[in-house]
Amino acid sequence: MIVFDLFTQEKLTEPIPPLSQSVSEAYNEWKWAWEMFHAMPADHELVDYSIYLIKATESRYVYLLKQAKLEGLQSTVYRVEEF
């Protein structure tokens, strides 16, 4: 598969990471978003951003989990209800 940069239309030379790695990275990003939210005071100016980030990273993680399930990948699965 050849992958192109959306903006420059140049061919990318970096290999696409395996789906299992993407799932793991998405989980870590989602977990970090929750940790950031819990670490800040309730009146902090970035609360709205933190909530947005949690929803965005959760959506990506759930999407990648569904893709992994469709491809029949078997690995340690992190449940969305964890937080």
Protein backbone atom coordinates (compact mmCIF):
# COMPACT_ATOMS: atom_id res chain seq x y z
CA MET A 1 0.00 0.00 0.00
CA ILE A 2 1.30 3.44 -0.92
CA VAL A 3 0.44 6.26 1.48
CA PHE A 4 0.48 9.94 0.55
CA ASP A 5 0.59 13.06 2.72
CA LEU A 6 -2.81 14.77 2.56
CA PHE A 7 -1.42 18.25 2.15
CA THR A 8 1.72 17.85 0.04
CA GLN A 9 0.67 14.73 -1.90
CA GLU A 10 4.19 13.35 -1.39
CA LYS A 11 4.68 9.65 -0.86
CA LEU A 12 5.36 8.83 2.78
CA THR A 13 8.32 6.62 3.46
CA GLU A 14 7.49 5.71 7.06
CA PRO A 15 5.79 2.35 7.44
CA ILE A 16 2.26 2.28 8.82
CA PRO A 17 2.34 0.88 12.37
CA PRO A 18 0.51 -2.40 12.98
CA LEU A 19 -3.06 -2.13 14.22
CA SER A 20 -2.15 -3.65 17.58
CA GLN A 21 0.39 -0.88 18.12
CA SER A 22 -2.14 1.78 17.13
CA VAL A 23 -4.66 0.36 19.61
CA SER A 24 -2.08 0.45 22.37
CA GLU A 25 -1.06 4.03 21.54
CA ALA A 26 -4.72 5.13 21.41
CA TYR A 27 -5.34 3.56 24.82
CA ASN A 28 -2.33 5.38 26.29
CA GLU A 29 -3.51 8.71 24.81
CA TRP A 30 -7.00 8.17 26.24
CA LYS A 31 -5.59 7.25 29.65
CA TRP A 32 -3.34 10.35 29.59
CA ALA A 33 -6.34 12.58 28.73
CA TRP A 34 -8.19 11.28 31.79
CA GLU A 35 -5.13 11.78 34.00
CA MET A 36 -4.79 15.35 32.78
CA PHE A 37 -8.46 16.01 33.51
CA HIS A 38 -8.23 14.61 37.05
CA ALA A 39 -5.04 16.53 37.78
CA MET A 40 -6.38 20.01 37.12
CA PRO A 41 -8.57 22.10 39.43
CA ALA A 42 -12.27 22.36 38.50
CA ASP A 43 -12.01 26.09 37.76
CA HIS A 44 -9.01 25.72 35.44
CA GLU A 45 -9.34 27.34 32.02
CA LEU A 46 -8.51 24.10 30.21
CA VAL A 47 -11.35 21.97 31.61
CA ASP A 48 -13.37 22.26 28.39
CA TYR A 49 -10.32 21.31 26.35
CA SER A 50 -9.70 18.31 28.61
CA ILE A 51 -13.26 17.08 28.15
CA TYR A 52 -12.95 17.49 24.38
CA LEU A 53 -9.65 15.61 24.42
CA ILE A 54 -11.16 12.74 26.44
CA LYS A 55 -14.04 12.36 23.98
CA ALA A 56 -11.74 12.56 20.94
CA THR A 57 -9.22 10.03 22.24
CA GLU A 58 -12.01 7.71 23.40
CA SER A 59 -13.62 7.82 19.94
CA ARG A 60 -10.32 6.94 18.27
CA TYR A 61 -9.65 4.13 20.74
CA VAL A 62 -13.13 2.60 20.33
CA TYR A 63 -12.83 2.82 16.53
CA LEU A 64 -9.46 1.04 16.56
CA LEU A 65 -10.81 -1.65 18.93
CA LYS A 66 -13.66 -2.30 16.49
CA GLN A 67 -11.18 -2.53 13.60
CA ALA A 68 -9.03 -4.96 15.56
CA LYS A 69 -12.08 -7.10 16.31
CA LEU A 70 -13.04 -7.14 12.62
CA GLU A 71 -9.53 -8.27 11.71
CA GLY A 72 -9.66 -10.96 14.37
CA LEU A 73 -6.75 -9.61 16.39
CA GLN A 74 -6.35 -11.26 19.78
CA SER A 75 -4.56 -9.33 22.48
CA THR A 76 -5.07 -7.82 25.89
CA VAL A 77 -8.18 -5.74 25.52
CA TYR A 78 -8.73 -2.69 27.67
CA ARG A 79 -12.34 -2.05 28.50
CA VAL A 80 -13.84 1.39 27.88
CA GLU A 81 -15.59 1.25 31.29
CA GLU A 82 -12.17 1.36 33.00
CA PHE A 83 -12.42 5.05 33.94
